Protein backbone atom coordinates (compact mmCIF):
# COMPACT_ATOMS: atom_id res chain seq x y z
CA MET A 1 34.15 -17.18 44.90
CA SER A 2 32.59 -13.71 44.84
CA VAL A 3 33.74 -13.30 41.22
CA ASP A 4 31.99 -16.53 40.21
CA LEU A 5 28.78 -15.46 41.94
CA SER A 6 28.91 -12.14 40.15
CA ARG A 7 29.28 -13.84 36.79
CA ARG A 8 26.43 -16.21 37.56
CA SER A 9 24.17 -13.33 38.51
CA ARG A 10 24.95 -11.57 35.25
CA ARG A 11 24.40 -14.58 33.03
CA PRO A 12 20.55 -14.69 33.04
CA LEU A 13 20.38 -11.03 32.04
CA THR A 14 22.84 -11.62 29.22
CA VAL A 15 20.75 -14.54 27.99
CA LEU A 16 17.64 -12.36 28.06
CA CYS A 17 19.42 -9.75 25.97
CA TRP A 18 20.30 -12.37 23.39
CA VAL A 19 16.71 -13.65 23.40
CA ALA A 20 15.50 -10.10 22.81
CA ALA A 21 18.01 -9.23 20.08
CA VAL A 22 17.96 -12.36 17.90
CA PRO A 23 14.31 -12.13 16.68
CA PHE A 24 14.90 -8.60 15.39
CA ALA A 25 18.02 -9.71 13.56
CA VAL A 26 16.06 -12.57 11.96
CA TRP A 27 13.26 -10.15 11.03
CA ALA A 28 15.76 -7.79 9.39
CA LEU A 29 17.22 -10.65 7.35
CA VAL A 30 13.81 -11.91 6.24
CA ARG A 31 12.68 -8.42 5.25
CA GLY A 32 15.98 -7.47 3.63
CA LEU A 33 16.31 -10.66 1.60
CA GLY A 34 12.64 -10.79 0.59
CA LEU A 35 11.98 -14.12 2.33
CA ASP A 36 8.32 -13.34 3.03
CA TYR A 37 6.64 -16.70 2.57
CA GLY A 38 4.01 -18.61 4.51
CA PRO A 39 2.74 -16.98 7.73
CA VAL A 40 5.55 -14.43 7.46
CA ILE A 41 3.55 -12.70 4.71
CA GLN A 42 1.03 -11.42 7.22
CA LEU A 43 3.60 -10.56 9.87
CA ILE A 44 5.98 -8.65 7.60
CA ALA A 45 3.33 -5.94 7.08
CA PHE A 46 4.02 -4.76 10.63
CA THR A 47 7.72 -4.07 10.03
CA PRO A 48 7.41 -0.33 10.90
CA TYR A 49 6.18 -1.27 14.38
CA VAL A 50 8.87 -3.93 14.74
CA THR A 51 11.46 -1.29 13.82
CA GLY A 52 10.36 0.87 16.73
CA ALA A 53 10.65 -2.08 19.11
CA ALA A 54 14.09 -2.95 17.69
CA LEU A 55 15.35 0.53 18.52
CA VAL A 56 14.16 0.12 22.12
CA VAL A 57 15.92 -3.24 22.46
CA ALA A 58 19.13 -1.76 21.04
CA LEU A 59 19.08 1.05 23.59
CA VAL A 60 18.32 -1.29 26.48
CA THR A 61 21.11 -3.75 25.63
CA LEU A 62 23.55 -0.85 25.30
CA ALA A 63 22.46 0.57 28.66
CA LEU A 64 22.94 -2.83 30.28
CA ARG A 65 26.41 -3.10 28.70
CA ARG A 66 25.72 -6.50 27.19
CA TRP A 67 28.02 -5.69 24.32
CA TRP A 68 27.65 -8.66 22.00
CA PRO A 69 23.85 -8.77 22.16
CA ALA A 70 23.94 -4.98 21.82
CA VAL A 71 25.98 -5.20 18.62
CA LEU A 72 23.41 -7.57 17.11
CA ALA A 73 20.49 -5.44 18.31
CA VAL A 74 22.01 -2.24 16.96
CA LEU A 75 22.75 -3.81 13.58
CA ALA A 76 19.17 -5.10 13.33
CA ALA A 77 17.72 -1.74 14.36
CA VAL A 78 19.89 0.16 11.88
CA ALA A 79 19.00 -2.21 9.06
CA LEU A 80 15.26 -2.03 9.76
CA THR A 81 15.37 1.74 10.11
CA ALA A 82 17.14 2.03 6.76
CA MET A 83 14.32 0.00 5.18
CA VAL A 84 11.45 1.92 6.79
CA LEU A 85 12.52 5.51 7.51
CA PRO A 86 12.86 6.69 3.86
CA ARG A 87 9.07 6.34 3.52
CA ALA A 88 8.66 9.17 6.02
CA VAL A 89 10.97 11.53 4.09
CA PRO A 90 9.73 13.27 0.91
CA ASP A 91 11.71 12.37 -2.21
CA ALA A 92 13.73 15.10 -3.87
CA ASP A 93 12.76 13.61 -7.24
CA ARG A 94 9.00 13.13 -7.66
CA GLY A 95 9.05 13.31 -11.44
CA THR A 96 9.51 16.07 -13.99
CA ALA A 97 6.18 16.10 -15.84
CA GLU A 98 4.76 19.59 -16.47
CA GLY A 99 1.43 18.79 -18.10
CA PRO A 100 -2.15 18.88 -16.77
CA VAL A 101 -2.98 17.94 -13.18
CA LEU A 102 -4.88 14.70 -12.51
CA ARG A 103 -6.58 14.15 -9.14
CA VAL A 104 -7.12 10.48 -8.32
CA LEU A 105 -8.90 8.67 -5.50
CA THR A 106 -8.97 4.98 -4.63
CA ALA A 107 -11.46 3.48 -2.18
CA ASN A 108 -12.27 -0.02 -0.98
CA VAL A 109 -16.00 0.01 -0.17
CA LEU A 110 -16.05 -3.21 1.90
CA GLY A 111 -18.35 -5.21 -0.32
CA GLY A 112 -20.97 -2.48 -0.35
CA GLY A 113 -20.70 -1.52 3.32
CA ALA A 114 -19.32 1.97 2.74
CA GLU A 115 -21.60 5.00 2.62
CA THR A 116 -21.94 5.92 -1.05
CA ASP A 117 -23.09 9.47 -0.29
CA ALA A 118 -19.87 10.02 1.68
CA LEU A 119 -17.78 8.69 -1.20
CA VAL A 120 -19.48 11.01 -3.69
CA ALA A 121 -18.93 13.87 -1.24
CA LEU A 122 -15.19 13.10 -1.25
CA VAL A 123 -15.18 13.11 -5.06
CA ARG A 124 -16.90 16.48 -5.07
CA GLU A 125 -14.80 18.04 -2.28
CA HIS A 126 -11.46 17.01 -3.77
CA GLU A 127 -12.48 17.56 -7.40
CA VAL A 128 -11.50 14.01 -8.24
CA ASP A 129 -10.84 13.21 -11.90
CA VAL A 130 -10.37 9.44 -11.64
CA LEU A 131 -12.00 7.19 -9.02
CA ALA A 132 -10.95 3.56 -8.51
CA ILE A 133 -13.22 1.37 -6.40
CA GLN A 134 -12.59 -2.11 -5.00
CA GLU A 135 -15.21 -4.57 -3.66
CA PHE A 136 -17.70 -2.86 -5.98
CA THR A 137 -21.23 -4.30 -5.91
CA PRO A 138 -24.38 -3.54 -7.94
CA ASP A 139 -25.88 -1.71 -4.95
CA VAL A 140 -22.77 0.49 -4.68
CA GLY A 141 -23.15 1.48 -8.32
CA THR A 142 -26.81 2.33 -7.79
CA GLY A 143 -26.04 4.34 -4.68
CA LEU A 144 -23.26 6.32 -6.32
CA TYR A 145 -25.46 7.35 -9.20
CA ALA A 146 -28.31 8.24 -6.87
CA HIS A 147 -25.96 10.75 -5.23
CA GLY A 148 -24.77 12.30 -8.48
CA LEU A 149 -21.55 10.49 -9.39
CA GLY A 150 -22.68 10.15 -12.99
CA THR A 151 -22.63 13.92 -13.37
CA LEU A 152 -19.22 14.33 -11.74
CA LEU A 153 -17.52 11.37 -13.42
CA PRO A 154 -19.56 10.40 -16.49
CA TYR A 155 -17.16 7.81 -17.97
CA ARG A 156 -16.84 4.38 -16.41
CA GLN A 157 -15.73 0.76 -16.64
CA VAL A 158 -17.34 -1.43 -13.99
CA SER A 159 -17.40 -5.05 -12.87
CA PRO A 160 -20.16 -5.22 -10.21
CA ILE A 161 -20.08 -8.44 -8.17
CA ASN A 162 -21.84 -9.23 -4.91
CA SER A 163 -18.60 -10.08 -3.14
CA ALA A 164 -15.14 -8.64 -2.55
CA ALA A 165 -14.23 -9.40 -6.19
CA GLY A 166 -16.00 -6.42 -7.82
CA SER A 167 -14.18 -3.45 -9.33
CA ALA A 168 -14.88 -0.08 -10.93
CA LEU A 169 -13.11 2.81 -12.59
CA TYR A 170 -14.83 6.20 -13.05
CA SER A 171 -13.42 9.20 -14.88
CA ARG A 172 -14.14 12.86 -15.58
CA TYR A 173 -12.39 12.40 -18.92
CA PRO A 174 -13.14 9.95 -21.73
CA LEU A 175 -12.09 6.33 -21.17
CA THR A 176 -10.94 4.22 -24.10
CA GLU A 177 -9.48 0.73 -24.46
CA THR A 178 -11.46 -0.35 -21.41
CA GLY A 179 -11.63 -3.83 -19.96
CA VAL A 180 -11.60 -5.99 -16.85
CA ARG A 181 -8.64 -8.05 -15.67
CA VAL A 182 -9.74 -11.30 -13.99
CA HIS A 183 -7.26 -12.93 -11.63
CA SER A 184 -7.10 -16.67 -11.08
CA SER A 185 -8.54 -15.88 -7.62
CA GLU A 186 -11.58 -14.45 -9.52
CA PHE A 187 -10.92 -10.96 -8.17
CA THR A 188 -11.44 -8.40 -10.95
CA GLN A 189 -9.75 -5.14 -11.88
CA ALA A 190 -11.40 -2.55 -14.12
CA TYR A 191 -9.08 -0.58 -16.38
CA GLY A 192 -9.13 2.00 -19.16
CA THR A 193 -7.06 4.66 -20.88
CA VAL A 194 -7.80 8.14 -19.55
CA ARG A 195 -7.72 10.84 -22.22
CA VAL A 196 -6.90 14.15 -20.52
CA PRO A 197 -6.76 17.12 -22.91
CA GLY A 198 -3.18 18.34 -23.32
CA ALA A 199 -1.66 15.23 -21.71
CA ALA A 200 -0.35 11.89 -22.89
CA PRO A 201 -2.89 9.05 -22.50
CA VAL A 202 -2.73 7.24 -19.15
CA LEU A 203 -3.71 3.59 -18.72
CA ALA A 204 -5.35 3.45 -15.26
CA GLU A 205 -6.36 0.31 -13.38
CA SER A 206 -8.29 -0.33 -10.15
CA VAL A 207 -6.07 -2.84 -8.36
CA HIS A 208 -7.29 -5.54 -5.97
CA PRO A 209 -5.40 -8.83 -5.62
CA MET A 210 -6.55 -11.55 -3.23
CA ALA A 211 -5.91 -10.74 0.44
CA PRO A 212 -3.42 -13.03 2.25
CA TRP A 213 -5.95 -13.85 4.98
CA GLY A 214 -4.70 -17.40 5.59
CA LEU A 215 -2.43 -20.20 4.42
CA PRO A 216 -4.89 -21.60 1.80
CA VAL A 217 -4.81 -18.38 -0.28
CA LEU A 218 -1.18 -17.28 -0.03
CA ASP A 219 -0.34 -18.73 -3.45
CA ASP A 220 -3.28 -16.84 -4.96
CA TRP A 221 -2.11 -13.63 -3.28
CA ARG A 222 1.38 -13.99 -4.71
CA GLU A 223 0.09 -14.96 -8.15
CA ASP A 224 -2.34 -12.02 -8.29
CA LEU A 225 0.40 -9.57 -7.34
CA GLY A 226 2.71 -11.14 -9.89
CA ASN A 227 0.09 -10.63 -12.60
CA LEU A 228 -0.23 -6.91 -12.01
CA PRO A 229 1.03 -4.94 -15.03
CA ARG A 230 4.66 -3.95 -14.78
CA ALA A 231 5.60 -0.43 -15.73
CA THR A 232 6.32 0.06 -19.42
CA PRO A 233 8.96 2.83 -19.66
CA ASP A 234 8.90 2.71 -23.48
CA GLY A 235 5.18 2.00 -23.76
CA PRO A 236 1.88 3.10 -22.20
CA ILE A 237 2.01 5.43 -19.21
CA ARG A 238 0.45 3.39 -16.41
CA LEU A 239 -1.33 4.29 -13.20
CA LEU A 240 -2.26 1.63 -10.63
CA LEU A 241 -4.75 2.63 -7.92
CA GLY A 242 -6.24 0.43 -5.28
CA ASP A 243 -6.10 -1.97 -2.39
CA PHE A 244 -2.95 -3.96 -3.09
CA ASN A 245 -3.36 -6.05 0.08
CA SER A 246 0.36 -5.56 0.60
CA THR A 247 2.75 -3.00 2.01
CA LEU A 248 6.13 -1.81 0.82
CA ASP A 249 7.62 -4.40 3.16
CA HIS A 250 6.26 -7.19 0.94
CA SER A 251 8.75 -8.24 -1.71
CA PRO A 252 6.19 -8.70 -4.56
CA LEU A 253 5.03 -5.08 -4.21
CA ARG A 254 8.59 -3.79 -4.06
CA ALA A 255 9.38 -5.71 -7.26
CA LEU A 256 6.35 -4.15 -8.95
CA VAL A 257 7.40 -0.63 -7.91
CA ALA A 258 10.97 -1.30 -9.06
CA SER A 259 9.73 -2.01 -12.59
CA GLY A 260 9.26 1.73 -13.08
CA TYR A 261 6.58 3.06 -10.73
CA ARG A 262 6.66 5.69 -8.01
CA ASP A 263 4.58 5.06 -4.87
CA ALA A 264 2.76 8.33 -4.11
CA ALA A 265 2.87 7.87 -0.34
CA ASP A 266 6.56 6.99 -0.34
CA ALA A 267 7.41 9.88 -2.67
CA THR A 268 5.64 12.44 -0.49
CA GLY A 269 6.96 11.20 2.85
CA ARG A 270 3.60 9.72 3.91
CA GLY A 271 4.53 6.08 3.50
CA LEU A 272 3.87 5.20 7.15
CA PHE A 273 0.23 6.33 7.22
CA GLY A 274 -2.03 3.32 7.79
CA THR A 275 -4.94 2.74 5.40
CA TRP A 276 -6.33 -0.50 6.91
CA GLY A 277 -6.94 -1.68 10.46
CA PRO A 278 -8.11 -2.28 13.03
CA TYR A 279 -10.55 -4.63 11.37
CA ASP A 280 -13.83 -5.92 12.81
CA GLY A 281 -12.87 -4.84 16.32
CA ALA A 282 -9.55 -6.73 16.30
CA LEU A 283 -6.58 -4.95 17.80
CA ILE A 284 -4.60 -4.79 14.57
CA PRO A 285 -2.23 -1.81 14.16
CA PRO A 286 -2.98 0.15 10.96
CA VAL A 287 -0.86 -0.69 7.93
CA GLN A 288 -0.68 0.84 4.46
CA LEU A 289 -2.36 -1.56 2.03
CA ASP A 290 -3.85 1.04 -0.33
CA HIS A 291 -1.53 2.68 -2.83
CA VAL A 292 -1.26 4.94 -5.83
CA LEU A 293 1.53 3.73 -8.11
CA ALA A 294 2.36 6.20 -10.85
CA ASP A 295 4.57 5.66 -13.87
CA GLU A 296 7.88 7.44 -13.24
CA ARG A 297 7.05 9.79 -16.13
CA ILE A 298 4.24 11.20 -13.94
CA ARG A 299 5.04 13.77 -11.27
CA VAL A 300 3.58 13.13 -7.79
CA GLU A 301 2.50 16.38 -6.19
CA SER A 302 0.69 15.29 -3.01
CA MET A 303 -1.04 12.41 -1.25
CA GLN A 304 -3.64 12.24 1.53
CA VAL A 305 -5.30 9.45 3.52
CA LEU A 306 -9.00 10.24 3.94
CA ARG A 307 -11.97 8.68 5.79
CA LEU A 308 -14.91 6.73 4.40
CA PRO A 309 -17.66 5.71 6.86
CA GLY A 310 -18.67 2.07 6.59
CA SER A 311 -15.36 0.84 5.16
CA ASP A 312 -12.42 -0.78 6.92
CA HIS A 313 -10.08 0.99 4.50
CA ARG A 314 -9.15 4.65 4.26
CA PRO A 315 -9.36 6.12 0.76
CA VAL A 316 -6.12 7.44 -0.74
CA PHE A 317 -6.20 10.72 -2.66
CA ALA A 318 -3.27 11.87 -4.79
CA THR A 319 -2.59 14.85 -7.00
CA LEU A 320 -0.47 14.03 -10.04
CA GLN A 321 0.98 16.00 -12.91
CA LEU A 322 0.92 14.25 -16.27
CA PRO A 323 3.47 14.45 -19.08
CA ARG A 324 2.47 16.23 -22.26
CA PRO A 325 1.93 14.19 -25.45
């Protein structure tokens, strides 16, 4: 009788261990198999935080000696860690280019809410060569020029819109073959070929697909990401800068990178630095939505996450080395 009572007393704790372990196993499968659809799209961005919780659950189930739940919890934690941890470790191979250095900065200005003088100050401080702006409005353009951006970066391709759909690309070097990509969501992306003396031409684009803010726009989000230009290993050297509204845990962004890009944050071991959140006072853990994707023929030297007053995003600054012609 005492043996039966002992088993009964252990059963609720075993059930709790299963309840704790199973969601992490499901999360690992969804993330690993790229099954991010519907509401999962928003949730999957927080995979780094889930990974930390999975490790805790694995340790607790092991300590409690609930072996079968522990096996599941450990497998889930190991799988999630394998997906996330490499972003915190610098790559041995960041590219072999030995040409001129290009300093790039991307900034989402929150529909004109960001302080334009602070943005120009960042351009000046970091000696930025190419600036990509998202949510670019006419007032932002006016403010930037009032604070001297035209002198620092005299070449431009802009699409000023009084909403989150505006875009701009500024350059220290001549821009040719310029244009504006218009997504079906009506978000725009300015682009142009940057002509750096002594380097091969680089086709740069200010990226901003629709944000996956709710169920009605998830198809637009996926379509916009799918329309972003894939890398062209035998063609133009491409550089994508901007607010991708997705993290490396989203399968569409991973597919884009796999086409022949190198994510600057991932390559430099800074892939877990948040660039967005909390937003509007909400308790949202920061996630990395802003990226610099460089053609694999470009060498990634460094990457930093900066601050821009008035914006809910942190600008991303990267130093790149371009291939010679």
